[in-house]
Amino acid sequence: MSDQNSSPILSAEAPASPPAWRDVCQHCNTLSMERESWWERIVSDPEAVPRVDESEVTMRLRGNEFAQVRLRGAALQCHIDPEHLLLSHPGARTVLGDAGAAPQPKLVQNLAELASHYGHVRRRACRHTDRRQAILDRLFLRHPCVLAVDAPLPSGRVDLVALSAQGEAVFFLLRRYTDGDLRLRGRGGIAWRMGELERWLADEATAAAWVRGVLERSGALRTPHSRRYASSMFSQSYPHARLLIVDFDHAQRLSGLPQLRTDITANLHTALDRTAVQSDIHCIGDPGNISYTTFFSGI
């Protein structure tokens, strides 16, 4: 017969395992102290733009997603496009012969070889550049207020997130003047994308948790840009999506741009049932002229 006065035995809960991104960052930070390691070569690249997601670290170069670093078991794996790992000259041709004599193309086979041939792999990765994505990377490298570029959200990807000196996070979409979705009405158009982003921003708690997550994850990875996250003080998110339109010349500024901006404003009124604030649409012909003031003017 059991003792009714005995205390119940409670099993101790197993401690929660750290999130995947934390383990990835710890392994990367250890490797960054090893001179000439493959990770040290990548992270010390002056054009490398890091992004720490929930389960991996993505390194971008000139608008290209150069490498995704993930943890498999107890070791890191670096995912790189196979064509970037070819050791032949970009203009070289492979000579084909009989099956038994066909030469095998030389490839980077492991992480040690990646460290040795990093410059070659880098050149291959940067042969082709997406102009819009390259602009985002340059803005990140130029402005310490930029927290993330091309970041995934439940509502879709946001091109740029910047944090003001007052601690307000602002979410941007960036488009070139010739991009088709600027003129597309309805689903898939820029007004629809801004509407989706604003509906997500309307949940202040969710938006705040996302920004704090970016600050925590990015601050855990040791890079030349770590200081911007350590010194950032977040207070709230700006409730409206902002749009940057770039890459237009003087003739386009005078002819097509005013009507384009009017159409976008009208489409935003339909999508959001509100009149778009003019200061939320910035038109900068040369993206090199985008400044800190541009990001936060009118807020």
C-alpha atoms as a PDB file:
ATOM      1  CA  MET A   1       0.000   0.000   0.000  1.00  0.00           C
ATOM      2  CA  SER A   2       1.450   3.330  -0.959  1.00  0.00           C
ATOM      3  CA  ASP A   3       2.205   6.009   1.571  1.00  0.00           C
ATOM      4  CA  GLN A   4      -0.384   8.733   1.062  1.00  0.00           C
ATOM      5  CA  ASN A   5       1.872  11.270   2.810  1.00  0.00           C
ATOM      6  CA  SER A   6       4.795  10.723   0.498  1.00  0.00           C
ATOM      7  CA  SER A   7       5.713  13.565  -1.828  1.00  0.00           C
ATOM      8  CA  PRO A   8       5.296  13.043  -5.557  1.00  0.00           C
ATOM      9  CA  ILE A   9       8.501  12.369  -7.466  1.00  0.00           C
ATOM     10  CA  LEU A  10       9.006  15.015 -10.182  1.00  0.00           C
ATOM     11  CA  SER A  11      11.294  14.248 -13.058  1.00  0.00           C
ATOM     12  CA  ALA A  12      13.709  17.050 -13.858  1.00  0.00           C
ATOM     13  CA  GLU A  13      13.117  18.629 -17.222  1.00  0.00           C
ATOM     14  CA  ALA A  14      15.973  18.309 -19.650  1.00  0.00           C
ATOM     15  CA  PRO A  15      17.594  21.689 -20.287  1.00  0.00           C
ATOM     16  CA  ALA A  16      16.517  23.261 -23.547  1.00  0.00           C
ATOM     17  CA  SER A  17      19.103  22.858 -26.255  1.00  0.00           C
ATOM     18  CA  PRO A  18      20.547  26.117 -27.618  1.00  0.00           C
ATOM     19  CA  PRO A  19      19.117  27.292 -30.927  1.00  0.00           C
ATOM     20  CA  ALA A  20      20.931  26.125 -34.047  1.00  0.00           C
ATOM     21  CA  TRP A  21      22.183  29.594 -34.947  1.00  0.00           C
ATOM     22  CA  ARG A  22      23.983  29.931 -31.609  1.00  0.00           C
ATOM     23  CA  ASP A  23      25.972  26.743 -32.174  1.00  0.00           C
ATOM     24  CA  VAL A  24      26.828  27.801 -35.719  1.00  0.00           C
ATOM     25  CA  CYS A  25      28.040  31.196 -34.477  1.00  0.00           C
ATOM     26  CA  GLN A  26      30.160  29.620 -31.729  1.00  0.00           C
ATOM     27  CA  HIS A  27      31.881  27.303 -34.193  1.00  0.00           C
ATOM     28  CA  CYS A  28      32.452  30.171 -36.640  1.00  0.00           C
ATOM     29  CA  ASN A  29      33.851  32.414 -33.907  1.00  0.00           C
ATOM     30  CA  THR A  30      36.338  29.709 -32.935  1.00  0.00           C
ATOM     31  CA  LEU A  31      37.432  29.314 -36.555  1.00  0.00           C
ATOM     32  CA  SER A  32      37.797  33.075 -37.006  1.00  0.00           C
ATOM     33  CA  MET A  33      40.717  33.007 -34.562  1.00  0.00           C
ATOM     34  CA  GLU A  34      42.571  30.460 -36.685  1.00  0.00           C
ATOM     35  CA  ARG A  35      44.625  32.444 -39.153  1.00  0.00           C
ATOM     36  CA  GLU A  36      44.107  31.402 -42.789  1.00  0.00           C
ATOM     37  CA  SER A  37      41.229  29.053 -41.934  1.00  0.00           C
ATOM     38  CA  TRP A  38      38.474  28.884 -44.534  1.00  0.00           C
ATOM     39  CA  TRP A  39      36.076  30.840 -42.313  1.00  0.00           C
ATOM     40  CA  GLU A  40      38.691  33.455 -41.449  1.00  0.00           C
ATOM     41  CA  ARG A  41      39.261  34.019 -45.177  1.00  0.00           C
ATOM     42  CA  ILE A  42      35.527  34.548 -45.768  1.00  0.00           C
ATOM     43  CA  VAL A  43      34.665  36.666 -42.747  1.00  0.00           C
ATOM     44  CA  SER A  44      37.686  38.950 -43.189  1.00  0.00           C
ATOM     45  CA  ASP A  45      36.740  39.730 -46.796  1.00  0.00           C
ATOM     46  CA  PRO A  46      36.039  43.490 -46.854  1.00  0.00           C
ATOM     47  CA  GLU A  47      33.041  42.966 -49.183  1.00  0.00           C
ATOM     48  CA  ALA A  48      31.451  40.091 -47.254  1.00  0.00           C
ATOM     49  CA  VAL A  49      27.953  40.800 -45.895  1.00  0.00           C
ATOM     50  CA  PRO A  50      26.817  38.387 -43.150  1.00  0.00           C
ATOM     51  CA  ARG A  51      23.262  37.412 -42.253  1.00  0.00           C
ATOM     52  CA  VAL A  52      22.462  35.095 -39.349  1.00  0.00           C
ATOM     53  CA  ASP A  53      19.184  33.242 -39.822  1.00  0.00           C
ATOM     54  CA  GLU A  54      17.527  30.736 -37.485  1.00  0.00           C
ATOM     55  CA  SER A  55      19.621  27.746 -38.536  1.00  0.00           C
ATOM     56  CA  GLU A  56      22.449  29.015 -40.723  1.00  0.00           C
ATOM     57  CA  VAL A  57      24.812  31.873 -41.516  1.00  0.00           C
ATOM     58  CA  THR A  58      24.693  33.300 -45.033  1.00  0.00           C
ATOM     59  CA  MET A  59      27.633  35.247 -46.446  1.00  0.00           C
ATOM     60  CA  ARG A  60      26.967  37.501 -49.421  1.00  0.00           C
ATOM     61  CA  LEU A  61      29.431  39.009 -51.897  1.00  0.00           C
ATOM     62  CA  ARG A  62      28.468  41.774 -54.324  1.00  0.00           C
ATOM     63  CA  GLY A  63      24.830  40.759 -54.212  1.00  0.00           C
ATOM     64  CA  ASN A  64      25.514  37.015 -54.539  1.00  0.00           C
ATOM     65  CA  GLU A  65      24.757  34.478 -51.826  1.00  0.00           C
ATOM     66  CA  PHE A  66      28.297  33.158 -51.697  1.00  0.00           C
ATOM     67  CA  ALA A  67      28.038  30.578 -48.907  1.00  0.00           C
ATOM     68  CA  GLN A  68      25.568  29.130 -46.426  1.00  0.00           C
ATOM     69  CA  VAL A  69      27.206  27.746 -43.299  1.00  0.00           C
ATOM     70  CA  ARG A  70      25.273  25.131 -41.317  1.00  0.00           C
ATOM     71  CA  LEU A  71      25.978  22.680 -38.545  1.00  0.00           C
ATOM     72  CA  ARG A  72      25.762  18.971 -39.306  1.00  0.00           C
ATOM     73  CA  GLY A  73      26.420  16.892 -36.241  1.00  0.00           C
ATOM     74  CA  ALA A  74      29.390  18.475 -34.502  1.00  0.00           C
ATOM     75  CA  ALA A  75      30.990  19.980 -37.606  1.00  0.00           C
ATOM     76  CA  LEU A  76      30.289  22.916 -39.871  1.00  0.00           C
ATOM     77  CA  GLN A  77      29.357  22.488 -43.495  1.00  0.00           C
ATOM     78  CA  CYS A  78      29.767  25.212 -46.111  1.00  0.00           C
ATOM     79  CA  HIS A  79      27.283  25.133 -48.985  1.00  0.00           C
ATOM     80  CA  ILE A  80      28.625  26.788 -52.159  1.00  0.00           C
ATOM     81  CA  ASP A  81      27.393  26.664 -55.750  1.00  0.00           C
ATOM     82  CA  PRO A  82      29.354  23.862 -57.495  1.00  0.00           C
ATOM     83  CA  GLU A  83      30.297  26.035 -60.465  1.00  0.00           C
ATOM     84  CA  HIS A  84      32.117  28.400 -58.123  1.00  0.00           C
ATOM     85  CA  LEU A  85      34.362  25.563 -56.978  1.00  0.00           C
ATOM     86  CA  LEU A  86      35.850  24.873 -60.403  1.00  0.00           C
ATOM     87  CA  LEU A  87      39.573  25.549 -60.388  1.00  0.00           C
ATOM     88  CA  SER A  88      39.846  26.084 -64.131  1.00  0.00           C
ATOM     89  CA  HIS A  89      40.034  29.580 -65.552  1.00  0.00           C
ATOM     90  CA  PRO A  90      36.545  31.016 -66.191  1.00  0.00           C
ATOM     91  CA  GLY A  91      37.295  31.184 -69.923  1.00  0.00           C
ATOM     92  CA  ALA A  92      38.846  27.733 -70.157  1.00  0.00           C
ATOM     93  CA  ARG A  93      37.273  24.865 -72.094  1.00  0.00           C
ATOM     94  CA  THR A  94      37.202  21.204 -71.176  1.00  0.00           C
ATOM     95  CA  VAL A  95      38.619  18.843 -73.812  1.00  0.00           C
ATOM     96  CA  LEU A  96      36.541  15.674 -74.177  1.00  0.00           C
ATOM     97  CA  GLY A  97      37.963  12.410 -75.484  1.00  0.00           C
ATOM     98  CA  ASP A  98      37.198   8.731 -75.116  1.00  0.00           C
ATOM     99  CA  ALA A  99      35.468   7.652 -71.936  1.00  0.00           C
ATOM    100  CA  GLY A 100      38.657   6.188 -70.483  1.00  0.00           C
ATOM    101  CA  ALA A 101      40.734   9.257 -71.286  1.00  0.00           C
ATOM    102  CA  ALA A 102      38.227  11.988 -70.382  1.00  0.00           C
ATOM    103  CA  PRO A 103      39.871  14.355 -67.894  1.00  0.00           C
ATOM    104  CA  GLN A 104      38.004  15.181 -64.720  1.00  0.00           C
ATOM    105  CA  PRO A 105      37.588  18.913 -64.009  1.00  0.00           C
ATOM    106  CA  LYS A 106      39.529  20.105 -60.996  1.00  0.00           C
ATOM    107  CA  LEU A 107      37.337  21.155 -58.093  1.00  0.00           C
ATOM    108  CA  VAL A 108      37.756  22.452 -54.570  1.00  0.00           C
ATOM    109  CA  GLN A 109      37.088  19.248 -52.626  1.00  0.00           C
ATOM    110  CA  ASN A 110      37.136  20.286 -48.955  1.00  0.00           C
ATOM    111  CA  LEU A 111      37.294  23.215 -46.557  1.00  0.00           C
ATOM    112  CA  ALA A 112      41.102  23.242 -46.430  1.00  0.00           C
ATOM    113  CA  GLU A 113      41.206  23.648 -50.205  1.00  0.00           C
ATOM    114  CA  LEU A 114      38.577  26.386 -49.965  1.00  0.00           C
ATOM    115  CA  ALA A 115      40.947  28.308 -47.682  1.00  0.00           C
ATOM    116  CA  SER A 116      43.835  27.807 -50.138  1.00  0.00           C
ATOM    117  CA  HIS A 117      41.833  28.755 -53.236  1.00  0.00           C
ATOM    118  CA  TYR A 118      39.497  31.332 -51.696  1.00  0.00           C
ATOM    119  CA  GLY A 119      40.527  34.103 -54.082  1.00  0.00           C
ATOM    120  CA  HIS A 120      39.784  31.904 -57.104  1.00  0.00           C
ATOM    121  CA  VAL A 121      36.400  30.762 -55.736  1.00  0.00           C
ATOM    122  CA  ARG A 122      35.549  34.349 -54.905  1.00  0.00           C
ATOM    123  CA  ARG A 123      36.263  35.542 -58.437  1.00  0.00           C
ATOM    124  CA  ARG A 124      34.035  32.877 -59.906  1.00  0.00           C
ATOM    125  CA  ALA A 125      31.206  33.738 -57.502  1.00  0.00           C
ATOM    126  CA  CYS A 126      31.402  37.429 -58.391  1.00  0.00           C
ATOM    127  CA  ARG A 127      31.482  36.989 -62.177  1.00  0.00           C
ATOM    128  CA  HIS A 128      27.750  37.713 -62.369  1.00  0.00           C
ATOM    129  CA  THR A 129      26.133  40.424 -60.305  1.00  0.00           C
ATOM    130  CA  ASP A 130      22.488  41.163 -59.579  1.00  0.00           C
ATOM    131  CA  ARG A 131      22.509  44.956 -59.641  1.00  0.00           C
ATOM    132  CA  ARG A 132      19.685  45.391 -57.110  1.00  0.00           C
ATOM    133  CA  GLN A 133      21.184  42.894 -54.664  1.00  0.00           C
ATOM    134  CA  ALA A 134      24.627  44.476 -55.099  1.00  0.00           C
ATOM    135  CA  ILE A 135      23.143  47.863 -54.157  1.00  0.00           C
ATOM    136  CA  LEU A 136      21.757  46.344 -50.957  1.00  0.00           C
ATOM    137  CA  ASP A 137      25.176  44.940 -50.035  1.00  0.00           C
ATOM    138  CA  ARG A 138      26.870  48.285 -50.649  1.00  0.00           C
ATOM    139  CA  LEU A 139      24.320  50.035 -48.450  1.00  0.00           C
ATOM    140  CA  PHE A 140      25.019  47.539 -45.675  1.00  0.00           C
ATOM    141  CA  LEU A 141      28.776  48.054 -45.938  1.00  0.00           C
ATOM    142  CA  ARG A 142      28.473  51.841 -46.100  1.00  0.00           C
ATOM    143  CA  HIS A 143      25.905  52.507 -43.363  1.00  0.00           C
ATOM    144  CA  PRO A 144      26.266  51.051 -39.844  1.00  0.00           C
ATOM    145  CA  CYS A 145      22.560  51.771 -39.250  1.00  0.00           C
ATOM    146  CA  VAL A 146      21.621  48.945 -41.659  1.00  0.00           C
ATOM    147  CA  LEU A 147      20.930  45.767 -39.659  1.00  0.00           C
ATOM    148  CA  ALA A 148      20.085  43.293 -42.421  1.00  0.00           C
ATOM    149  CA  VAL A 149      19.537  43.006 -46.171  1.00  0.00           C
ATOM    150  CA  ASP A 150      17.371  40.557 -48.131  1.00  0.00           C
ATOM    151  CA  ALA A 151      16.034  39.168 -44.858  1.00  0.00           C
ATOM    152  CA  PRO A 152      13.252  36.547 -44.711  1.00  0.00           C
ATOM    153  CA  LEU A 153       9.949  37.483 -43.073  1.00  0.00           C
ATOM    154  CA  PRO A 154       6.642  35.609 -42.798  1.00  0.00           C
ATOM    155  CA  SER A 155       5.222  38.170 -45.239  1.00  0.00           C
ATOM    156  CA  GLY A 156       8.077  37.697 -47.726  1.00  0.00           C
ATOM    157  CA  ARG A 157      11.613  39.026 -47.968  1.00  0.00           C
ATOM    158  CA  VAL A 158      12.394  42.570 -46.880  1.00  0.00           C
ATOM    159  CA  ASP A 159      15.220  44.246 -48.777  1.00  0.00           C
ATOM    160  CA  LEU A 160      16.652  46.367 -46.007  1.00  0.00           C
ATOM    161  CA  VAL A 161      16.146  47.006 -42.289  1.00  0.00           C
ATOM    162  CA  ALA A 162      17.699  50.107 -40.732  1.00  0.00           C
ATOM    163  CA  LEU A 163      17.760  51.311 -37.128  1.00  0.00           C
ATOM    164  CA  SER A 164      17.647  55.024 -36.321  1.00  0.00           C
ATOM    165  CA  ALA A 165      19.633  56.707 -33.568  1.00  0.00           C
ATOM    166  CA  GLN A 166      16.365  56.878 -31.595  1.00  0.00           C
ATOM    167  CA  GLY A 167      15.999  53.084 -31.782  1.00  0.00           C
ATOM    168  CA  GLU A 168      13.242  52.898 -34.410  1.00  0.00           C
ATOM    169  CA  ALA A 169      13.530  50.034 -36.901  1.00  0.00           C
ATOM    170  CA  VAL A 170      12.473  50.918 -40.450  1.00  0.00           C
ATOM    171  CA  PHE A 171      11.701  48.329 -43.151  1.00  0.00           C
ATOM    172  CA  PHE A 172      12.443  49.073 -46.810  1.00  0.00           C
ATOM    173  CA  LEU A 173      11.782  47.615 -50.225  1.00  0.00           C
ATOM    174  CA  LEU A 174      14.266  48.717 -52.898  1.00  0.00           C
ATOM    175  CA  ARG A 175      13.502  48.702 -56.614  1.00  0.00           C
ATOM    176  CA  ARG A 176      15.265  49.909 -59.734  1.00  0.00           C
ATOM    177  CA  TYR A 177      13.304  52.238 -61.990  1.00  0.00           C
ATOM    178  CA  THR A 178      13.027  49.536 -64.668  1.00  0.00           C
ATOM    179  CA  ASP A 179      11.743  46.782 -62.332  1.00  0.00           C
ATOM    180  CA  GLY A 180       8.410  45.500 -63.607  1.00  0.00           C
ATOM    181  CA  ASP A 181       6.625  45.133 -60.275  1.00  0.00           C
ATOM    182  CA  LEU A 182       6.739  48.917 -59.788  1.00  0.00           C
ATOM    183  CA  ARG A 183       4.082  49.148 -62.515  1.00  0.00           C
ATOM    184  CA  LEU A 184       2.166  45.979 -61.644  1.00  0.00           C
ATOM    185  CA  ARG A 185      -1.204  46.383 -60.003  1.00  0.00           C
ATOM    186  CA  GLY A 186      -2.659  43.792 -57.704  1.00  0.00           C
ATOM    187  CA  ARG A 187      -0.959  40.687 -56.367  1.00  0.00           C
ATOM    188  CA  GLY A 188       2.810  40.700 -56.915  1.00  0.00           C
ATOM    189  CA  GLY A 189       2.987  44.446 -57.489  1.00  0.00           C
ATOM    190  CA  ILE A 190       5.004  46.751 -55.274  1.00  0.00           C
ATOM    191  CA  ALA A 191       1.889  48.189 -53.600  1.00  0.00           C
ATOM    192  CA  TRP A 192       0.728  44.651 -52.770  1.00  0.00           C
ATOM    193  CA  ARG A 193       4.176  43.800 -51.363  1.00  0.00           C
ATOM    194  CA  MET A 194       4.176  46.936 -49.219  1.00  0.00           C
ATOM    195  CA  GLY A 195       0.678  46.077 -48.049  1.00  0.00           C
ATOM    196  CA  GLU A 196       1.750  42.578 -46.993  1.00  0.00           C
ATOM    197  CA  LEU A 197       4.702  44.039 -45.113  1.00  0.00           C
ATOM    198  CA  GLU A 198       2.549  46.644 -43.364  1.00  0.00           C
ATOM    199  CA  ARG A 199       0.016  44.054 -42.252  1.00  0.00           C
ATOM    200  CA  TRP A 200       2.882  42.138 -40.646  1.00  0.00           C
ATOM    201  CA  LEU A 201       4.235  45.332 -39.043  1.00  0.00           C
ATOM    202  CA  ALA A 202       0.790  46.025 -37.573  1.00  0.00           C
ATOM    203  CA  ASP A 203       1.491  43.265 -35.040  1.00  0.00           C
ATOM    204  CA  GLU A 204       3.893  45.336 -32.960  1.00  0.00           C
ATOM    205  CA  ALA A 205       4.901  42.501 -30.637  1.00  0.00           C
ATOM    206  CA  THR A 206       5.789  40.179 -33.514  1.00  0.00           C
ATOM    207  CA  ALA A 207       7.763  42.863 -35.348  1.00  0.00           C
ATOM    208  CA  ALA A 208       9.625  43.816 -32.162  1.00  0.00           C
ATOM    209  CA  ALA A 209      10.496  40.173 -31.444  1.00  0.00           C
ATOM    210  CA  TRP A 210      11.843  39.788 -34.999  1.00  0.00           C
ATOM    211  CA  VAL A 211      14.092  42.857 -34.701  1.00  0.00           C
ATOM    212  CA  ARG A 212      15.403  41.771 -31.314  1.00  0.00           C
ATOM    213  CA  GLY A 213      16.096  38.356 -32.793  1.00  0.00           C
ATOM    214  CA  VAL A 214      18.148  39.922 -35.590  1.00  0.00           C
ATOM    215  CA  LEU A 215      20.136  41.956 -33.071  1.00  0.00           C
ATOM    216  CA  GLU A 216      20.779  38.918 -30.856  1.00  0.00           C
ATOM    217  CA  ARG A 217      21.718  36.534 -33.668  1.00  0.00           C
ATOM    218  CA  SER A 218      23.867  39.006 -35.588  1.00  0.00           C
ATOM    219  CA  GLY A 219      25.613  40.172 -32.420  1.00  0.00           C
ATOM    220  CA  ALA A 220      26.570  36.569 -31.600  1.00  0.00           C
ATOM    221  CA  LEU A 221      28.655  36.228 -34.772  1.00  0.00           C
ATOM    222  CA  ARG A 222      32.110  37.831 -34.605  1.00  0.00           C
ATOM    223  CA  THR A 223      32.570  39.893 -37.784  1.00  0.00           C
ATOM    224  CA  PRO A 224      33.949  43.340 -38.662  1.00  0.00           C
ATOM    225  CA  HIS A 225      30.323  44.548 -38.378  1.00  0.00           C
ATOM    226  CA  SER A 226      29.576  43.226 -34.879  1.00  0.00           C
ATOM    227  CA  ARG A 227      29.827  46.655 -33.278  1.00  0.00           C
ATOM    228  CA  ARG A 228      26.686  47.937 -34.987  1.00  0.00           C
ATOM    229  CA  TYR A 229      24.628  45.279 -33.170  1.00  0.00           C
ATOM    230  CA  ALA A 230      26.292  45.624 -29.776  1.00  0.00           C
ATOM    231  CA  SER A 231      25.634  49.367 -29.674  1.00  0.00           C
ATOM    232  CA  SER A 232      22.091  49.255 -31.095  1.00  0.00           C
ATOM    233  CA  MET A 233      19.200  50.205 -28.826  1.00  0.00           C
ATOM    234  CA  PHE A 234      15.851  49.114 -30.243  1.00  0.00           C
ATOM    235  CA  SER A 235      12.631  50.748 -29.056  1.00  0.00           C
ATOM    236  CA  GLN A 236       9.947  50.214 -31.705  1.00  0.00           C
ATOM    237  CA  SER A 237       9.277  49.531 -35.389  1.00  0.00           C
ATOM    238  CA  TYR A 238       8.083  52.168 -37.829  1.00  0.00           C
ATOM    239  CA  PRO A 239       4.544  51.028 -38.773  1.00  0.00           C
ATOM    240  CA  HIS A 240       4.765  51.731 -42.523  1.00  0.00           C
ATOM    241  CA  ALA A 241       6.805  50.070 -45.248  1.00  0.00           C
ATOM    242  CA  ARG A 242       9.101  52.444 -47.130  1.00  0.00           C
ATOM    243  CA  LEU A 243      10.138  52.275 -50.774  1.00  0.00           C
ATOM    244  CA  LEU A 244      13.448  53.261 -52.366  1.00  0.00           C
ATOM    245  CA  ILE A 245      13.403  53.739 -56.162  1.00  0.00           C
ATOM    246  CA  VAL A 246      16.886  53.963 -57.693  1.00  0.00           C
ATOM    247  CA  ASP A 247      18.755  53.814 -61.010  1.00  0.00           C
ATOM    248  CA  PHE A 248      17.045  56.380 -63.217  1.00  0.00           C
ATOM    249  CA  ASP A 249      18.546  59.148 -65.330  1.00  0.00           C
ATOM    250  CA  HIS A 250      17.629  62.806 -65.677  1.00  0.00           C
ATOM    251  CA  ALA A 251      15.246  62.221 -68.589  1.00  0.00           C
ATOM    252  CA  GLN A 252      13.392  59.501 -66.667  1.00  0.00           C
ATOM    253  CA  ARG A 253      13.235  61.766 -63.630  1.00  0.00           C
ATOM    254  CA  LEU A 254      11.450  64.427 -65.675  1.00  0.00           C
ATOM    255  CA  SER A 255       9.212  62.214 -67.803  1.00  0.00           C
ATOM    256  CA  GLY A 256       8.197  58.879 -66.293  1.00  0.00           C
ATOM    257  CA  LEU A 257       9.059  59.178 -62.605  1.00  0.00           C
ATOM    258  CA  PRO A 258       6.323  61.660 -61.515  1.00  0.00           C
ATOM    259  CA  GLN A 259       3.575  59.515 -63.047  1.00  0.00           C
ATOM    260  CA  LEU A 260       5.121  56.334 -61.644  1.00  0.00           C
ATOM    261  CA  ARG A 261       5.149  57.795 -58.165  1.00  0.00           C
ATOM    262  CA  THR A 262       1.540  58.961 -58.542  1.00  0.00           C
ATOM    263  CA  ASP A 263       0.458  55.488 -59.674  1.00  0.00           C
ATOM    264  CA  ILE A 264       2.248  53.786 -56.769  1.00  0.00           C
ATOM    265  CA  THR A 265       0.602  56.173 -54.307  1.00  0.00           C
ATOM    266  CA  ALA A 266      -2.829  55.425 -55.791  1.00  0.00           C
ATOM    267  CA  ASN A 267      -2.184  51.680 -55.686  1.00  0.00           C
ATOM    268  CA  LEU A 268      -1.081  51.952 -52.064  1.00  0.00           C
ATOM    269  CA  HIS A 269      -4.317  53.749 -51.225  1.00  0.00           C
ATOM    270  CA  THR A 270      -6.222  50.807 -52.718  1.00  0.00           C
ATOM    271  CA  ALA A 271      -4.075  48.149 -51.067  1.00  0.00           C
ATOM    272  CA  LEU A 272      -3.882  49.748 -47.627  1.00  0.00           C
ATOM    273  CA  ASP A 273      -6.977  51.937 -47.557  1.00  0.00           C
ATOM    274  CA  ARG A 274      -4.834  54.909 -46.615  1.00  0.00           C
ATOM    275  CA  THR A 275      -3.077  57.711 -48.408  1.00  0.00           C
ATOM    276  CA  ALA A 276       0.617  56.919 -48.776  1.00  0.00           C
ATOM    277  CA  VAL A 277       2.889  59.313 -46.934  1.00  0.00           C
ATOM    278  CA  GLN A 278       5.075  60.931 -49.592  1.00  0.00           C
ATOM    279  CA  SER A 279       8.118  60.690 -47.354  1.00  0.00           C
ATOM    280  CA  ASP A 280       7.760  56.898 -47.401  1.00  0.00           C
ATOM    281  CA  ILE A 281       8.630  56.809 -51.120  1.00  0.00           C
ATOM    282  CA  HIS A 282      12.179  57.959 -51.885  1.00  0.00           C
ATOM    283  CA  CYS A 283      13.450  58.391 -55.436  1.00  0.00           C
ATOM    284  CA  ILE A 284      17.254  58.489 -55.645  1.00  0.00           C
ATOM    285  CA  GLY A 285      18.716  58.252 -59.138  1.00  0.00           C
ATOM    286  CA  ASP A 286      22.197  57.281 -57.969  1.00  0.00           C
ATOM    287  CA  PRO A 287      21.995  54.816 -55.036  1.00  0.00           C
ATOM    288  CA  GLY A 288      25.402  56.083 -53.956  1.00  0.00           C
ATOM    289  CA  ASN A 289      23.594  59.242 -52.816  1.00  0.00           C
ATOM    290  CA  ILE A 290      21.455  57.374 -50.292  1.00  0.00           C
ATOM    291  CA  SER A 291      22.421  58.705 -46.875  1.00  0.00           C
ATOM    292  CA  TYR A 292      21.427  58.252 -43.251  1.00  0.00           C
ATOM    293  CA  THR A 293      19.053  61.185 -43.707  1.00  0.00           C
ATOM    294  CA  THR A 294      17.382  59.403 -46.623  1.00  0.00           C
ATOM    295  CA  PHE A 295      16.570  56.378 -44.478  1.00  0.00           C
ATOM    296  CA  PHE A 296      14.862  58.299 -41.694  1.00  0.00           C
ATOM    297  CA  SER A 297      13.612  61.583 -43.160  1.00  0.00           C
ATOM    298  CA  GLY A 298       9.993  62.310 -42.420  1.00  0.00           C
ATOM    299  CA  ILE A 299       9.807  59.951 -39.433  1.00  0.00           C
END
